[in-house]
Amino acid sequence: MLARIFRPAKTAMQSGRGQGDLWVLEYEPEAPLKVDPLMGYNSSTDMRQQIRLEFPTSAEAVAYAERNGIPYRLFEDHDRTPKKLSYSDNFRFTRSQPWTH
């Protein structure tokens, strides 16, 4: 079963970059989820979906996967590029579009 190693994106509830330095090793699902006809819950026979390992670096996650013989796919980290914004730029005279109310 193939595992994926990635650095998760921050959730919509986060404004900062806290705990964004961890790398995660998760198994890809082997079987699709099935809906329970009585209760409507999603269930699966694949127990590896419940495993989620966190590592401080991608090298440690890759070393763990190789040491245990786990085939893996490494997804490289996408660093964000912050835009330089200034509130006063909204009111400058050389703006491309004139400011309106």
PDB file of N, CA and C in Angstrom:
ATOM      1  N   MET A   1       0.848  -1.172   0.000  1.00  0.00           N
ATOM      2  CA  MET A   1       0.000   0.000   0.000  1.00  0.00           C
ATOM      3  C   MET A   1       0.895   1.238   0.000  1.00  0.00           C
ATOM      4  N   LEU A   2       0.543   2.164  -0.818  1.00  0.00           N
ATOM      5  CA  LEU A   2       1.335   3.375  -1.003  1.00  0.00           C
ATOM      6  C   LEU A   2       1.026   4.396   0.090  1.00  0.00           C
ATOM      7  N   ALA A   3       2.078   5.019   0.591  1.00  0.00           N
ATOM      8  CA  ALA A   3       1.919   6.081   1.585  1.00  0.00           C
ATOM      9  C   ALA A   3       2.302   7.400   0.937  1.00  0.00           C
ATOM     10  N   ARG A   4       1.752   8.477   1.450  1.00  0.00           N
ATOM     11  CA  ARG A   4       2.125   9.801   0.945  1.00  0.00           C
ATOM     12  C   ARG A   4       2.712  10.615   2.094  1.00  0.00           C
ATOM     13  N   ILE A   5       3.764  11.333   1.765  1.00  0.00           N
ATOM     14  CA  ILE A   5       4.441  12.187   2.733  1.00  0.00           C
ATOM     15  C   ILE A   5       4.266  13.618   2.251  1.00  0.00           C
ATOM     16  N   PHE A   6       3.681  14.446   3.097  1.00  0.00           N
ATOM     17  CA  PHE A   6       3.390  15.819   2.696  1.00  0.00           C
ATOM     18  C   PHE A   6       3.393  16.726   3.916  1.00  0.00           C
ATOM     19  N   ARG A   7       3.383  17.990   3.655  1.00  0.00           N
ATOM     20  CA  ARG A   7       3.278  19.001   4.704  1.00  0.00           C
ATOM     21  C   ARG A   7       1.892  19.618   4.570  1.00  0.00           C
ATOM     22  N   PRO A   8       0.999  19.410   5.541  1.00  0.00           N
ATOM     23  CA  PRO A   8      -0.376  19.871   5.379  1.00  0.00           C
ATOM     24  C   PRO A   8      -0.487  21.390   5.381  1.00  0.00           C
ATOM     25  N   ALA A   9      -1.469  21.871   4.659  1.00  0.00           N
ATOM     26  CA  ALA A   9      -1.754  23.306   4.625  1.00  0.00           C
ATOM     27  C   ALA A   9      -2.463  23.700   5.905  1.00  0.00           C
ATOM     28  N   LYS A  10      -2.395  24.966   6.235  1.00  0.00           N
ATOM     29  CA  LYS A  10      -3.087  25.427   7.433  1.00  0.00           C
ATOM     30  C   LYS A  10      -4.592  25.408   7.189  1.00  0.00           C
ATOM     31  N   THR A  11      -5.337  25.232   8.257  1.00  0.00           N
ATOM     32  CA  THR A  11      -6.784  25.181   8.121  1.00  0.00           C
ATOM     33  C   THR A  11      -7.350  26.595   7.998  1.00  0.00           C
ATOM     34  N   ALA A  12      -8.612  26.688   7.665  1.00  0.00           N
ATOM     35  CA  ALA A  12      -9.255  27.987   7.520  1.00  0.00           C
ATOM     36  C   ALA A  12      -9.401  28.694   8.867  1.00  0.00           C
ATOM     37  N   MET A  13      -9.292  27.966   9.957  1.00  0.00           N
ATOM     38  CA  MET A  13      -9.441  28.544  11.281  1.00  0.00           C
ATOM     39  C   MET A  13      -8.131  29.103  11.817  1.00  0.00           C
ATOM     40  N   GLN A  14      -7.044  28.928  11.086  1.00  0.00           N
ATOM     41  CA  GLN A  14      -5.750  29.417  11.543  1.00  0.00           C
ATOM     42  C   GLN A  14      -5.393  30.709  10.831  1.00  0.00           C
ATOM     43  N   SER A  15      -4.833  31.648  11.564  1.00  0.00           N
ATOM     44  CA  SER A  15      -4.353  32.860  10.928  1.00  0.00           C
ATOM     45  C   SER A  15      -2.833  32.859  10.867  1.00  0.00           C
ATOM     46  N   GLY A  16      -2.196  32.088  11.720  1.00  0.00           N
ATOM     47  CA  GLY A  16      -0.737  32.042  11.763  1.00  0.00           C
ATOM     48  C   GLY A  16      -0.203  30.761  11.163  1.00  0.00           C
ATOM     49  N   ARG A  17       1.083  30.549  11.332  1.00  0.00           N
ATOM     50  CA  ARG A  17       1.749  29.378  10.783  1.00  0.00           C
ATOM     51  C   ARG A  17       2.085  28.367  11.878  1.00  0.00           C
ATOM     52  N   GLY A  18       1.379  28.391  13.003  1.00  0.00           N
ATOM     53  CA  GLY A  18       1.655  27.496  14.116  1.00  0.00           C
ATOM     54  C   GLY A  18       1.453  26.049  13.741  1.00  0.00           C
ATOM     55  N   GLN A  19       2.362  25.194  14.145  1.00  0.00           N
ATOM     56  CA  GLN A  19       2.362  23.760  13.885  1.00  0.00           C
ATOM     57  C   GLN A  19       2.302  23.444  12.403  1.00  0.00           C
ATOM     58  N   GLY A  20       2.805  24.326  11.578  1.00  0.00           N
ATOM     59  CA  GLY A  20       2.854  24.078  10.151  1.00  0.00           C
ATOM     60  C   GLY A  20       4.177  23.512   9.705  1.00  0.00           C
ATOM     61  N   ASP A  21       5.047  23.208  10.655  1.00  0.00           N
ATOM     62  CA  ASP A  21       6.365  22.699  10.317  1.00  0.00           C
ATOM     63  C   ASP A  21       6.425  21.179  10.290  1.00  0.00           C
ATOM     64  N   LEU A  22       5.350  20.507  10.638  1.00  0.00           N
ATOM     65  CA  LEU A  22       5.359  19.057  10.702  1.00  0.00           C
ATOM     66  C   LEU A  22       5.069  18.433   9.341  1.00  0.00           C
ATOM     67  N   TRP A  23       5.706  17.306   9.078  1.00  0.00           N
ATOM     68  CA  TRP A  23       5.464  16.520   7.878  1.00  0.00           C
ATOM     69  C   TRP A  23       4.643  15.307   8.282  1.00  0.00           C
ATOM     70  N   VAL A  24       3.712  14.894   7.437  1.00  0.00           N
ATOM     71  CA  VAL A  24       2.767  13.830   7.763  1.00  0.00           C
ATOM     72  C   VAL A  24       2.953  12.664   6.799  1.00  0.00           C
ATOM     73  N   LEU A  25       2.928  11.447   7.350  1.00  0.00           N
ATOM     74  CA  LEU A  25       2.917  10.229   6.554  1.00  0.00           C
ATOM     75  C   LEU A  25       1.544   9.596   6.728  1.00  0.00           C
ATOM     76  N   GLU A  26       0.796   9.485   5.640  1.00  0.00           N
ATOM     77  CA  GLU A  26      -0.529   8.859   5.650  1.00  0.00           C
ATOM     78  C   GLU A  26      -0.595   7.824   4.538  1.00  0.00           C
ATOM     79  N   TYR A  27      -1.370   6.791   4.754  1.00  0.00           N
ATOM     80  CA  TYR A  27      -1.599   5.790   3.719  1.00  0.00           C
ATOM     81  C   TYR A  27      -2.736   6.241   2.812  1.00  0.00           C
ATOM     82  N   GLU A  28      -2.586   5.973   1.543  1.00  0.00           N
ATOM     83  CA  GLU A  28      -3.677   6.258   0.614  1.00  0.00           C
ATOM     84  C   GLU A  28      -4.736   5.168   0.767  1.00  0.00           C
ATOM     85  N   PRO A  29      -6.008   5.504   0.601  1.00  0.00           N
ATOM     86  CA  PRO A  29      -7.066   4.506   0.821  1.00  0.00           C
ATOM     87  C   PRO A  29      -7.009   3.387  -0.204  1.00  0.00           C
ATOM     88  N   GLU A  30      -7.167   2.157   0.300  1.00  0.00           N
ATOM     89  CA  GLU A  30      -7.169   0.983  -0.556  1.00  0.00           C
ATOM     90  C   GLU A  30      -8.576   0.680  -1.076  1.00  0.00           C
ATOM     91  N   ALA A  31      -9.549   0.862  -0.210  1.00  0.00           N
ATOM     92  CA  ALA A  31     -10.937   0.574  -0.569  1.00  0.00           C
ATOM     93  C   ALA A  31     -11.766   1.840  -0.367  1.00  0.00           C
ATOM     94  N   PRO A  32     -12.781   2.036  -1.201  1.00  0.00           N
ATOM     95  CA  PRO A  32     -13.616   3.226  -1.029  1.00  0.00           C
ATOM     96  C   PRO A  32     -14.498   3.107   0.213  1.00  0.00           C
ATOM     97  N   LEU A  33     -14.960   4.238   0.686  1.00  0.00           N
ATOM     98  CA  LEU A  33     -15.873   4.251   1.825  1.00  0.00           C
ATOM     99  C   LEU A  33     -17.232   3.704   1.419  1.00  0.00           C
ATOM    100  N   LYS A  34     -17.866   3.000   2.355  1.00  0.00           N
ATOM    101  CA  LYS A  34     -19.201   2.457   2.115  1.00  0.00           C
ATOM    102  C   LYS A  34     -20.167   3.122   3.087  1.00  0.00           C
ATOM    103  N   VAL A  35     -21.367   3.351   2.642  1.00  0.00           N
ATOM    104  CA  VAL A  35     -22.378   3.986   3.474  1.00  0.00           C
ATOM    105  C   VAL A  35     -23.195   2.899   4.164  1.00  0.00           C
ATOM    106  N   ASP A  36     -23.322   3.007   5.475  1.00  0.00           N
ATOM    107  CA  ASP A  36     -24.134   2.073   6.241  1.00  0.00           C
ATOM    108  C   ASP A  36     -25.599   2.332   5.911  1.00  0.00           C
ATOM    109  N   PRO A  37     -26.352   1.312   5.495  1.00  0.00           N
ATOM    110  CA  PRO A  37     -27.740   1.568   5.068  1.00  0.00           C
ATOM    111  C   PRO A  37     -28.666   1.991   6.210  1.00  0.00           C
ATOM    112  N   LEU A  38     -28.381   1.571   7.442  1.00  0.00           N
ATOM    113  CA  LEU A  38     -29.274   1.881   8.547  1.00  0.00           C
ATOM    114  C   LEU A  38     -29.028   3.291   9.098  1.00  0.00           C
ATOM    115  N   MET A  39     -27.770   3.613   9.420  1.00  0.00           N
ATOM    116  CA  MET A  39     -27.459   4.874  10.067  1.00  0.00           C
ATOM    117  C   MET A  39     -26.932   5.937   9.109  1.00  0.00           C
ATOM    118  N   GLY A  40     -26.408   5.525   7.971  1.00  0.00           N
ATOM    119  CA  GLY A  40     -25.876   6.480   7.015  1.00  0.00           C
ATOM    120  C   GLY A  40     -24.443   6.876   7.281  1.00  0.00           C
ATOM    121  N   TYR A  41     -23.754   6.159   8.189  1.00  0.00           N
ATOM    122  CA  TYR A  41     -22.365   6.457   8.490  1.00  0.00           C
ATOM    123  C   TYR A  41     -21.472   5.946   7.377  1.00  0.00           C
ATOM    124  N   ASN A  42     -20.347   6.618   7.187  1.00  0.00           N
ATOM    125  CA  ASN A  42     -19.334   6.127   6.263  1.00  0.00           C
ATOM    126  C   ASN A  42     -18.430   5.155   7.002  1.00  0.00           C
ATOM    127  N   SER A  43     -18.112   4.036   6.359  1.00  0.00           N
ATOM    128  CA  SER A  43     -17.231   3.062   6.987  1.00  0.00           C
ATOM    129  C   SER A  43     -16.343   2.446   5.916  1.00  0.00           C
ATOM    130  N   SER A  44     -15.287   1.819   6.387  1.00  0.00           N
ATOM    131  CA  SER A  44     -14.339   1.189   5.479  1.00  0.00           C
ATOM    132  C   SER A  44     -13.722  -0.009   6.179  1.00  0.00           C
ATOM    133  N   THR A  45     -13.270  -0.966   5.402  1.00  0.00           N
ATOM    134  CA  THR A  45     -12.578  -2.128   5.955  1.00  0.00           C
ATOM    135  C   THR A  45     -11.076  -1.895   6.012  1.00  0.00           C
ATOM    136  N   ASP A  46     -10.625  -0.771   5.498  1.00  0.00           N
ATOM    137  CA  ASP A  46      -9.208  -0.443   5.456  1.00  0.00           C
ATOM    138  C   ASP A  46      -8.810   0.260   6.746  1.00  0.00           C
ATOM    139  N   MET A  47      -8.072  -0.437   7.616  1.00  0.00           N
ATOM    140  CA  MET A  47      -7.679   0.133   8.904  1.00  0.00           C
ATOM    141  C   MET A  47      -6.457   1.047   8.794  1.00  0.00           C
ATOM    142  N   ARG A  48      -5.734   1.001   7.701  1.00  0.00           N
ATOM    143  CA  ARG A  48      -4.553   1.853   7.559  1.00  0.00           C
ATOM    144  C   ARG A  48      -4.926   3.309   7.336  1.00  0.00           C
ATOM    145  N   GLN A  49      -6.159   3.592   7.023  1.00  0.00           N
ATOM    146  CA  GLN A  49      -6.590   4.984   6.869  1.00  0.00           C
ATOM    147  C   GLN A  49      -6.539   5.736   8.190  1.00  0.00           C
ATOM    148  N   GLN A  50      -6.517   5.010   9.290  1.00  0.00           N
ATOM    149  CA  GLN A  50      -6.519   5.644  10.606  1.00  0.00           C
ATOM    150  C   GLN A  50      -5.122   6.029  11.068  1.00  0.00           C
ATOM    151  N   ILE A  51      -4.087   5.584  10.348  1.00  0.00           N
ATOM    152  CA  ILE A  51      -2.707   5.858  10.753  1.00  0.00           C
ATOM    153  C   ILE A  51      -2.268   7.194  10.179  1.00  0.00           C
ATOM    154  N   ARG A  52      -1.767   8.040  11.051  1.00  0.00           N
ATOM    155  CA  ARG A  52      -1.247   9.354  10.654  1.00  0.00           C
ATOM    156  C   ARG A  52      -0.031   9.636  11.523  1.00  0.00           C
ATOM    157  N   LEU A  53       1.150   9.588  10.923  1.00  0.00           N
ATOM    158  CA  LEU A  53       2.391   9.810  11.648  1.00  0.00           C
ATOM    159  C   LEU A  53       2.939  11.184  11.307  1.00  0.00           C
ATOM    160  N   GLU A  54       3.413  11.901  12.332  1.00  0.00           N
ATOM    161  CA  GLU A  54       3.965  13.240  12.127  1.00  0.00           C
ATOM    162  C   GLU A  54       5.460  13.222  12.404  1.00  0.00           C
ATOM    163  N   PHE A  55       6.212  13.941  11.556  1.00  0.00           N
ATOM    164  CA  PHE A  55       7.656  14.019  11.659  1.00  0.00           C
ATOM    165  C   PHE A  55       8.083  15.477  11.568  1.00  0.00           C
ATOM    166  N   PRO A  56       9.201  15.843  12.213  1.00  0.00           N
ATOM    167  CA  PRO A  56       9.659  17.231  12.139  1.00  0.00           C
ATOM    168  C   PRO A  56      10.227  17.620  10.774  1.00  0.00           C
ATOM    169  N   THR A  57      10.779  16.661  10.021  1.00  0.00           N
ATOM    170  CA  THR A  57      11.339  16.964   8.702  1.00  0.00           C
ATOM    171  C   THR A  57      10.902  15.903   7.705  1.00  0.00           C
ATOM    172  N   SER A  58      10.998  16.250   6.430  1.00  0.00           N
ATOM    173  CA  SER A  58      10.649  15.277   5.392  1.00  0.00           C
ATOM    174  C   SER A  58      11.681  14.160   5.319  1.00  0.00           C
ATOM    175  N   ALA A  59      12.948  14.467   5.640  1.00  0.00           N
ATOM    176  CA  ALA A  59      13.999  13.447   5.600  1.00  0.00           C
ATOM    177  C   ALA A  59      13.736  12.350   6.629  1.00  0.00           C
ATOM    178  N   GLU A  60      13.239  12.731   7.793  1.00  0.00           N
ATOM    179  CA  GLU A  60      12.922  11.724   8.810  1.00  0.00           C
ATOM    180  C   GLU A  60      11.734  10.865   8.385  1.00  0.00           C
ATOM    181  N   ALA A  61      10.760  11.444   7.727  1.00  0.00           N
ATOM    182  CA  ALA A  61       9.612  10.681   7.249  1.00  0.00           C
ATOM    183  C   ALA A  61      10.026   9.704   6.154  1.00  0.00           C
ATOM    184  N   VAL A  62      10.893  10.160   5.251  1.00  0.00           N
ATOM    185  CA  VAL A  62      11.381   9.287   4.183  1.00  0.00           C
ATOM    186  C   VAL A  62      12.232   8.160   4.773  1.00  0.00           C
ATOM    187  N   ALA A  63      13.067   8.477   5.744  1.00  0.00           N
ATOM    188  CA  ALA A  63      13.900   7.456   6.380  1.00  0.00           C
ATOM    189  C   ALA A  63      13.045   6.413   7.089  1.00  0.00           C
ATOM    190  N   TYR A  64      11.973   6.846   7.745  1.00  0.00           N
ATOM    191  CA  TYR A  64      11.068   5.914   8.413  1.00  0.00           C
ATOM    192  C   TYR A  64      10.413   4.979   7.392  1.00  0.00           C
ATOM    193  N   ALA A  65       9.953   5.547   6.284  1.00  0.00           N
ATOM    194  CA  ALA A  65       9.295   4.731   5.263  1.00  0.00           C
ATOM    195  C   ALA A  65      10.267   3.728   4.648  1.00  0.00           C
ATOM    196  N   GLU A  66      11.487   4.152   4.372  1.00  0.00           N
ATOM    197  CA  GLU A  66      12.466   3.238   3.788  1.00  0.00           C
ATOM    198  C   GLU A  66      12.905   2.177   4.790  1.00  0.00           C
ATOM    199  N   ARG A  67      13.040   2.551   6.045  1.00  0.00           N
ATOM    200  CA  ARG A  67      13.468   1.602   7.075  1.00  0.00           C
ATOM    201  C   ARG A  67      12.424   0.501   7.276  1.00  0.00           C
ATOM    202  N   ASN A  68      11.137   0.852   7.126  1.00  0.00           N
ATOM    203  CA  ASN A  68      10.066  -0.128   7.335  1.00  0.00           C
ATOM    204  C   ASN A  68       9.547  -0.732   6.037  1.00  0.00           C
ATOM    205  N   GLY A  69      10.170  -0.403   4.916  1.00  0.00           N
ATOM    206  CA  GLY A  69       9.772  -0.991   3.634  1.00  0.00           C
ATOM    207  C   GLY A  69       8.423  -0.509   3.140  1.00  0.00           C
ATOM    208  N   ILE A  70       8.087   0.710   3.415  1.00  0.00           N
ATOM    209  CA  ILE A  70       6.797   1.272   2.996  1.00  0.00           C
ATOM    210  C   ILE A  70       7.010   2.045   1.697  1.00  0.00           C
ATOM    211  N   PRO A  71       6.332   1.660   0.611  1.00  0.00           N
ATOM    212  CA  PRO A  71       6.431   2.483  -0.609  1.00  0.00           C
ATOM    213  C   PRO A  71       5.754   3.829  -0.364  1.00  0.00           C
ATOM    214  N   TYR A  72       6.367   4.891  -0.830  1.00  0.00           N
ATOM    215  CA  TYR A  72       5.863   6.227  -0.521  1.00  0.00           C
ATOM    216  C   TYR A  72       5.972   7.137  -1.731  1.00  0.00           C
ATOM    217  N   ARG A  73       5.234   8.227  -1.654  1.00  0.00           N
ATOM    218  CA  ARG A  73       5.311   9.310  -2.628  1.00  0.00           C
ATOM    219  C   ARG A  73       5.492  10.596  -1.826  1.00  0.00           C
ATOM    220  N   LEU A  74       6.542  11.341  -2.160  1.00  0.00           N
ATOM    221  CA  LEU A  74       6.859  12.570  -1.442  1.00  0.00           C
ATOM    222  C   LEU A  74       6.308  13.759  -2.213  1.00  0.00           C
ATOM    223  N   PHE A  75       5.474  14.546  -1.562  1.00  0.00           N
ATOM    224  CA  PHE A  75       4.941  15.769  -2.141  1.00  0.00           C
ATOM    225  C   PHE A  75       5.755  16.922  -1.584  1.00  0.00           C
ATOM    226  N   GLU A  76       6.409  17.656  -2.454  1.00  0.00           N
ATOM    227  CA  GLU A  76       7.273  18.749  -2.026  1.00  0.00           C
ATOM    228  C   GLU A  76       6.451  19.874  -1.406  1.00  0.00           C
ATOM    229  N   ASP A  77       7.095  20.601  -0.531  1.00  0.00           N
ATOM    230  CA  ASP A  77       6.452  21.698   0.175  1.00  0.00           C
ATOM    231  C   ASP A  77       6.315  22.909  -0.746  1.00  0.00           C
ATOM    232  N   HIS A  78       5.165  23.564  -0.677  1.00  0.00           N
ATOM    233  CA  HIS A  78       4.934  24.788  -1.439  1.00  0.00           C
ATOM    234  C   HIS A  78       5.010  25.955  -0.468  1.00  0.00           C
ATOM    235  N   ASP A  79       6.119  26.664  -0.489  1.00  0.00           N
ATOM    236  CA  ASP A  79       6.241  27.818   0.394  1.00  0.00           C
ATOM    237  C   ASP A  79       5.401  28.961  -0.147  1.00  0.00           C
ATOM    238  N   ARG A  80       4.756  29.640   0.754  1.00  0.00           N
ATOM    239  CA  ARG A  80       3.917  30.757   0.332  1.00  0.00           C
ATOM    240  C   ARG A  80       4.790  31.965   0.027  1.00  0.00           C
ATOM    241  N   THR A  81       4.328  32.771  -0.880  1.00  0.00           N
ATOM    242  CA  THR A  81       5.040  33.997  -1.235  1.00  0.00           C
ATOM    243  C   THR A  81       4.183  35.165  -0.778  1.00  0.00           C
ATOM    244  N   PRO A  82       4.544  35.787   0.327  1.00  0.00           N
ATOM    245  CA  PRO A  82       3.718  36.878   0.843  1.00  0.00           C
ATOM    246  C   PRO A  82       3.784  38.095  -0.069  1.00  0.00           C
ATOM    247  N   LYS A  83       2.644  38.721  -0.261  1.00  0.00           N
ATOM    248  CA  LYS A  83       2.571  39.934  -1.064  1.00  0.00           C
ATOM    249  C   LYS A  83       2.830  41.128  -0.160  1.00  0.00           C
ATOM    250  N   LYS A  84       3.536  42.077  -0.674  1.00  0.00           N
ATOM    251  CA  LYS A  84       3.827  43.271   0.092  1.00  0.00           C
ATOM    252  C   LYS A  84       2.646  44.224  -0.073  1.00  0.00           C
ATOM    253  N   LEU A  85       1.878  44.396   0.972  1.00  0.00           N
ATOM    254  CA  LEU A  85       0.696  45.238   0.933  1.00  0.00           C
ATOM    255  C   LEU A  85       0.814  46.352   1.961  1.00  0.00           C
ATOM    256  N   SER A  86       0.275  47.473   1.599  1.00  0.00           N
ATOM    257  CA  SER A  86       0.245  48.595   2.514  1.00  0.00           C
ATOM    258  C   SER A  86      -1.141  49.226   2.429  1.00  0.00           C
ATOM    259  N   TYR A  87      -1.699  49.538   3.557  1.00  0.00           N
ATOM    260  CA  TYR A  87      -3.034  50.128   3.578  1.00  0.00           C
ATOM    261  C   TYR A  87      -3.049  51.500   2.909  1.00  0.00           C
ATOM    262  N   SER A  88      -1.962  52.232   3.039  1.00  0.00           N
ATOM    263  CA  SER A  88      -1.922  53.569   2.455  1.00  0.00           C
ATOM    264  C   SER A  88      -1.894  53.531   0.922  1.00  0.00           C
ATOM    265  N   ASP A  89      -1.511  52.385   0.334  1.00  0.00           N
ATOM    266  CA  ASP A  89      -1.517  52.272  -1.121  1.00  0.00           C
ATOM    267  C   ASP A  89      -2.925  52.332  -1.706  1.00  0.00           C
ATOM    268  N   ASN A  90      -3.932  52.082  -0.898  1.00  0.00           N
ATOM    269  CA  ASN A  90      -5.305  52.176  -1.376  1.00  0.00           C
ATOM    270  C   ASN A  90      -5.695  53.613  -1.725  1.00  0.00           C
ATOM    271  N   PHE A  91      -4.997  54.589  -1.171  1.00  0.00           N
ATOM    272  CA  PHE A  91      -5.380  55.985  -1.333  1.00  0.00           C
ATOM    273  C   PHE A  91      -4.347  56.822  -2.093  1.00  0.00           C
ATOM    274  N   ARG A  92      -3.386  56.203  -2.719  1.00  0.00           N
ATOM    275  CA  ARG A  92      -2.355  56.973  -3.421  1.00  0.00           C
ATOM    276  C   ARG A  92      -2.896  57.516  -4.752  1.00  0.00           C
ATOM    277  N   PHE A  93      -2.277  58.574  -5.260  1.00  0.00           N
ATOM    278  CA  PHE A  93      -2.745  59.226  -6.488  1.00  0.00           C
ATOM    279  C   PHE A  93      -2.338  58.453  -7.735  1.00  0.00           C
ATOM    280  N   THR A  94      -1.266  57.686  -7.681  1.00  0.00           N
ATOM    281  CA  THR A  94      -0.781  56.958  -8.857  1.00  0.00           C
ATOM    282  C   THR A  94      -1.385  55.559  -8.953  1.00  0.00           C
ATOM    283  N   ARG A  95      -2.521  55.384  -8.368  1.00  0.00           N
ATOM    284  CA  ARG A  95      -3.188  54.088  -8.381  1.00  0.00           C
ATOM    285  C   ARG A  95      -3.730  53.799  -9.778  1.00  0.00           C
ATOM    286  N   SER A  96      -3.768  52.519 -10.181  1.00  0.00           N
ATOM    287  CA  SER A  96      -4.228  52.170 -11.526  1.00  0.00           C
ATOM    288  C   SER A  96      -5.725  52.432 -11.708  1.00  0.00           C
ATOM    289  N   GLN A  97      -6.507  52.211 -10.665  1.00  0.00           N
ATOM    290  CA  GLN A  97      -7.943  52.511 -10.705  1.00  0.00           C
ATOM    291  C   GLN A  97      -8.218  53.552  -9.629  1.00  0.00           C
ATOM    292  N   PRO A  98      -9.026  54.547  -9.921  1.00  0.00           N
ATOM    293  CA  PRO A  98      -9.291  55.572  -8.901  1.00  0.00           C
ATOM    294  C   PRO A  98     -10.093  54.999  -7.745  1.00  0.00           C
ATOM    295  N   TRP A  99      -9.826  55.537  -6.568  1.00  0.00           N
ATOM    296  CA  TRP A  99     -10.515  55.076  -5.373  1.00  0.00           C
ATOM    297  C   TRP A  99     -11.923  55.641  -5.343  1.00  0.00           C
ATOM    298  N   THR A 100     -12.903  54.805  -5.038  1.00  0.00           N
ATOM    299  CA  THR A 100     -14.295  55.253  -4.940  1.00  0.00           C
ATOM    300  C   THR A 100     -14.881  54.735  -3.630  1.00  0.00           C
ATOM    301  N   HIS A 101     -16.014  55.271  -3.262  1.00  0.00           N
ATOM    302  CA  HIS A 101     -16.674  54.830  -2.040  1.00  0.00           C
ATOM    303  C   HIS A 101     -17.447  53.581  -2.274  1.00  0.00           C
TER     304      HIS A 101
END
